[in-house]
Amino acid sequence: MAQQHETSLRLRLRYRFDHLVAGGTTALIGWLALGCLAVVIPASAVLVWTDRAAPTTLAGRLTAVWVSVGQTLKIGARSALPSTSWPP
């Protein structure tokens, strides 16, 4: 008679995480990027769709979501706002 081992969800998640980390830096960065997009895109869509000043057309709203995602994920770029600190 074969013995069946039931593993808990916690153990399965730990194994998956260990497997992810063992994949190396590139795999970890890729998964973090996907996780970031999974949060930023829906949040941007909710913000655009609930904004009264947002465009009324579907194309306009999708463009606004695209711009919002781009501004959120902009890393290390200079701000479009004028700076009062030195150097300019």
N, C-alpha and C. Protein backbone atom coordinates (compact mmCIF):
# COMPACT_ATOMS: atom_id res chain seq x y z
N MET A 1 0.84 -1.16 0.00
CA MET A 1 0.00 0.00 0.00
C MET A 1 0.90 1.24 0.00
N ALA A 2 0.66 2.12 -0.95
CA ALA A 2 1.46 3.33 -1.08
C ALA A 2 1.00 4.38 -0.08
N GLN A 3 1.96 5.01 0.50
CA GLN A 3 1.64 6.06 1.46
C GLN A 3 1.57 7.40 0.74
N GLN A 4 0.54 8.16 0.98
CA GLN A 4 0.42 9.49 0.38
C GLN A 4 0.75 10.52 1.45
N HIS A 5 1.58 11.47 1.02
CA HIS A 5 1.95 12.55 1.93
C HIS A 5 1.20 13.80 1.51
N GLU A 6 0.50 14.36 2.43
CA GLU A 6 -0.19 15.61 2.15
C GLU A 6 0.70 16.75 2.64
N THR A 7 0.99 17.66 1.72
CA THR A 7 1.80 18.80 2.11
C THR A 7 0.90 20.01 2.30
N SER A 8 1.26 20.80 3.25
CA SER A 8 0.46 21.98 3.52
C SER A 8 0.74 23.07 2.48
N LEU A 9 -0.17 23.98 2.39
CA LEU A 9 -0.01 25.10 1.48
C LEU A 9 1.24 25.90 1.83
N ARG A 10 1.51 26.02 3.11
CA ARG A 10 2.70 26.76 3.56
C ARG A 10 3.98 26.11 3.04
N LEU A 11 4.07 24.79 3.12
CA LEU A 11 5.25 24.10 2.63
C LEU A 11 5.38 24.22 1.11
N ARG A 12 4.28 24.14 0.42
CA ARG A 12 4.32 24.30 -1.03
C ARG A 12 4.78 25.69 -1.44
N LEU A 13 4.28 26.72 -0.74
CA LEU A 13 4.70 28.09 -1.04
C LEU A 13 6.17 28.30 -0.71
N ARG A 14 6.65 27.72 0.37
CA ARG A 14 8.07 27.83 0.70
C ARG A 14 8.93 27.18 -0.37
N TYR A 15 8.50 26.03 -0.86
CA TYR A 15 9.25 25.35 -1.92
C TYR A 15 9.27 26.20 -3.18
N ARG A 16 8.13 26.77 -3.56
CA ARG A 16 8.07 27.61 -4.76
C ARG A 16 8.96 28.83 -4.63
N PHE A 17 8.97 29.45 -3.45
CA PHE A 17 9.82 30.61 -3.22
C PHE A 17 11.29 30.22 -3.29
N ASP A 18 11.65 29.11 -2.66
CA ASP A 18 13.04 28.65 -2.73
C ASP A 18 13.45 28.35 -4.17
N HIS A 19 12.57 27.76 -4.93
CA HIS A 19 12.83 27.47 -6.34
C HIS A 19 13.01 28.77 -7.13
N LEU A 20 12.21 29.78 -6.82
CA LEU A 20 12.31 31.08 -7.49
C LEU A 20 13.66 31.73 -7.19
N VAL A 21 14.06 31.73 -5.94
CA VAL A 21 15.32 32.35 -5.55
C VAL A 21 16.50 31.59 -6.14
N ALA A 22 16.39 30.28 -6.25
CA ALA A 22 17.46 29.47 -6.81
C ALA A 22 17.62 29.72 -8.31
N GLY A 23 16.63 30.32 -8.95
CA GLY A 23 16.70 30.61 -10.38
C GLY A 23 17.68 31.70 -10.73
N GLY A 24 18.16 32.43 -9.76
CA GLY A 24 19.15 33.47 -10.00
C GLY A 24 18.55 34.87 -9.95
N THR A 25 19.45 35.82 -10.10
CA THR A 25 19.07 37.23 -10.00
C THR A 25 18.13 37.65 -11.12
N THR A 26 18.39 37.21 -12.33
CA THR A 26 17.56 37.61 -13.46
C THR A 26 16.12 37.14 -13.28
N ALA A 27 15.95 35.91 -12.85
CA ALA A 27 14.60 35.40 -12.63
C ALA A 27 13.90 36.16 -11.51
N LEU A 28 14.62 36.46 -10.46
CA LEU A 28 14.03 37.19 -9.34
C LEU A 28 13.61 38.60 -9.75
N ILE A 29 14.45 39.28 -10.50
CA ILE A 29 14.10 40.62 -10.98
C ILE A 29 12.89 40.56 -11.91
N GLY A 30 12.85 39.55 -12.77
CA GLY A 30 11.71 39.38 -13.66
C GLY A 30 10.41 39.18 -12.91
N TRP A 31 10.43 38.33 -11.89
CA TRP A 31 9.22 38.10 -11.09
C TRP A 31 8.82 39.35 -10.31
N LEU A 32 9.81 40.09 -9.81
CA LEU A 32 9.49 41.34 -9.10
C LEU A 32 8.88 42.36 -10.05
N ALA A 33 9.37 42.41 -11.28
CA ALA A 33 8.80 43.33 -12.28
C ALA A 33 7.36 42.94 -12.60
N LEU A 34 7.11 41.66 -12.77
CA LEU A 34 5.74 41.20 -13.04
C LEU A 34 4.82 41.51 -11.86
N GLY A 35 5.31 41.31 -10.65
CA GLY A 35 4.51 41.64 -9.47
C GLY A 35 4.20 43.12 -9.38
N CYS A 36 5.19 43.94 -9.72
CA CYS A 36 5.00 45.38 -9.71
C CYS A 36 3.94 45.79 -10.74
N LEU A 37 4.04 45.23 -11.94
CA LEU A 37 3.05 45.53 -12.98
C LEU A 37 1.66 45.04 -12.58
N ALA A 38 1.60 43.92 -11.88
CA ALA A 38 0.31 43.38 -11.44
C ALA A 38 -0.37 44.29 -10.43
N VAL A 39 0.39 45.14 -9.77
CA VAL A 39 -0.19 46.09 -8.82
C VAL A 39 -0.43 47.44 -9.49
N VAL A 40 0.54 47.92 -10.26
CA VAL A 40 0.48 49.28 -10.82
C VAL A 40 -0.59 49.41 -11.90
N ILE A 41 -0.71 48.45 -12.79
CA ILE A 41 -1.67 48.58 -13.89
C ILE A 41 -3.12 48.61 -13.37
N PRO A 42 -3.55 47.67 -12.53
CA PRO A 42 -4.93 47.79 -12.02
C PRO A 42 -5.17 49.04 -11.19
N ALA A 43 -4.18 49.44 -10.39
CA ALA A 43 -4.36 50.66 -9.59
C ALA A 43 -4.49 51.88 -10.49
N SER A 44 -3.69 51.96 -11.54
CA SER A 44 -3.80 53.08 -12.47
C SER A 44 -5.14 53.07 -13.18
N ALA A 45 -5.61 51.89 -13.56
CA ALA A 45 -6.91 51.80 -14.24
C ALA A 45 -8.03 52.26 -13.33
N VAL A 46 -7.99 51.86 -12.06
CA VAL A 46 -9.02 52.29 -11.11
C VAL A 46 -8.98 53.81 -10.94
N LEU A 47 -7.78 54.36 -10.81
CA LEU A 47 -7.66 55.81 -10.63
C LEU A 47 -8.18 56.57 -11.84
N VAL A 48 -7.89 56.09 -13.04
CA VAL A 48 -8.35 56.79 -14.24
C VAL A 48 -9.86 56.65 -14.38
N TRP A 49 -10.41 55.45 -14.16
CA TRP A 49 -11.84 55.25 -14.36
C TRP A 49 -12.67 55.96 -13.31
N THR A 50 -12.12 56.25 -12.14
CA THR A 50 -12.89 56.95 -11.11
C THR A 50 -12.67 58.46 -11.12
N ASP A 51 -11.77 58.94 -11.97
CA ASP A 51 -11.48 60.37 -12.06
C ASP A 51 -12.53 61.05 -12.92
N ARG A 52 -13.15 62.08 -12.39
CA ARG A 52 -14.18 62.80 -13.16
C ARG A 52 -13.58 63.60 -14.30
N ALA A 53 -12.31 63.99 -14.18
CA ALA A 53 -11.67 64.79 -15.21
C ALA A 53 -11.02 63.93 -16.29
N ALA A 54 -11.15 62.61 -16.19
CA ALA A 54 -10.54 61.72 -17.17
C ALA A 54 -11.28 61.80 -18.50
N PRO A 55 -10.61 61.45 -19.61
CA PRO A 55 -11.29 61.44 -20.91
C PRO A 55 -12.50 60.49 -20.89
N THR A 56 -13.47 60.78 -21.75
CA THR A 56 -14.68 59.97 -21.76
C THR A 56 -14.61 58.81 -22.73
N THR A 57 -13.71 58.86 -23.71
CA THR A 57 -13.62 57.78 -24.67
C THR A 57 -12.75 56.66 -24.12
N LEU A 58 -12.96 55.46 -24.64
CA LEU A 58 -12.16 54.32 -24.21
C LEU A 58 -10.69 54.51 -24.57
N ALA A 59 -10.45 54.99 -25.79
CA ALA A 59 -9.06 55.22 -26.21
C ALA A 59 -8.39 56.27 -25.33
N GLY A 60 -9.10 57.30 -24.97
CA GLY A 60 -8.55 58.34 -24.11
C GLY A 60 -8.24 57.81 -22.72
N ARG A 61 -9.11 56.98 -22.20
CA ARG A 61 -8.87 56.41 -20.87
C ARG A 61 -7.70 55.44 -20.88
N LEU A 62 -7.62 54.61 -21.92
CA LEU A 62 -6.49 53.69 -22.02
C LEU A 62 -5.17 54.44 -22.15
N THR A 63 -5.20 55.55 -22.88
CA THR A 63 -4.00 56.38 -22.99
C THR A 63 -3.64 56.96 -21.62
N ALA A 64 -4.64 57.40 -20.87
CA ALA A 64 -4.39 57.95 -19.54
C ALA A 64 -3.82 56.88 -18.61
N VAL A 65 -4.30 55.64 -18.73
CA VAL A 65 -3.75 54.55 -17.92
C VAL A 65 -2.30 54.31 -18.31
N TRP A 66 -2.01 54.30 -19.61
CA TRP A 66 -0.64 54.08 -20.10
C TRP A 66 0.30 55.16 -19.56
N VAL A 67 -0.14 56.41 -19.59
CA VAL A 67 0.68 57.53 -19.10
C VAL A 67 0.89 57.39 -17.59
N SER A 68 -0.16 57.03 -16.87
CA SER A 68 -0.05 56.87 -15.42
C SER A 68 0.92 55.75 -15.06
N VAL A 69 0.85 54.63 -15.76
CA VAL A 69 1.78 53.52 -15.50
C VAL A 69 3.20 53.96 -15.81
N GLY A 70 3.39 54.66 -16.92
CA GLY A 70 4.72 55.14 -17.28
C GLY A 70 5.29 56.09 -16.26
N GLN A 71 4.47 56.99 -15.74
CA GLN A 71 4.95 57.93 -14.73
C GLN A 71 5.24 57.23 -13.40
N THR A 72 4.46 56.23 -13.08
CA THR A 72 4.67 55.51 -11.84
C THR A 72 5.95 54.70 -11.87
N LEU A 73 6.24 54.08 -13.00
CA LEU A 73 7.41 53.21 -13.11
C LEU A 73 8.67 53.93 -13.55
N LYS A 74 8.59 55.24 -13.71
CA LYS A 74 9.77 56.00 -14.11
C LYS A 74 10.78 55.99 -12.97
N ILE A 75 11.96 55.45 -13.27
CA ILE A 75 12.97 55.30 -12.23
C ILE A 75 14.19 56.15 -12.59
N GLY A 76 14.60 57.00 -11.71
CA GLY A 76 15.82 57.74 -11.89
C GLY A 76 15.76 58.88 -12.88
N ALA A 77 14.61 59.16 -13.43
CA ALA A 77 14.49 60.25 -14.38
C ALA A 77 14.25 61.55 -13.63
N ARG A 78 14.62 62.62 -14.25
CA ARG A 78 14.40 63.92 -13.62
C ARG A 78 12.93 64.27 -13.66
N SER A 79 12.49 64.94 -12.67
CA SER A 79 11.10 65.34 -12.58
C SER A 79 10.81 66.47 -13.56
N ALA A 80 9.58 66.51 -14.04
CA ALA A 80 9.17 67.58 -14.93
C ALA A 80 8.90 68.88 -14.16
N LEU A 81 8.81 68.76 -12.84
CA LEU A 81 8.56 69.94 -12.02
C LEU A 81 9.86 70.71 -11.83
N PRO A 82 9.77 72.03 -11.80
CA PRO A 82 10.99 72.81 -11.60
C PRO A 82 11.56 72.57 -10.21
N SER A 83 12.86 72.55 -10.14
CA SER A 83 13.54 72.30 -8.88
C SER A 83 14.16 73.59 -8.37
N THR A 84 14.12 73.78 -7.07
CA THR A 84 14.71 74.98 -6.48
C THR A 84 16.08 74.67 -5.87
N SER A 85 16.48 73.40 -5.93
CA SER A 85 17.76 73.04 -5.34
C SER A 85 18.88 73.22 -6.36
N TRP A 86 20.12 73.34 -5.83
CA TRP A 86 21.27 73.49 -6.69
C TRP A 86 21.94 72.14 -6.83
N PRO A 87 22.46 71.70 -7.92
CA PRO A 87 22.54 72.36 -9.22
C PRO A 87 21.25 72.18 -10.02
N PRO A 88 21.03 73.06 -10.99
CA PRO A 88 19.77 73.01 -11.73
C PRO A 88 19.68 71.81 -12.64
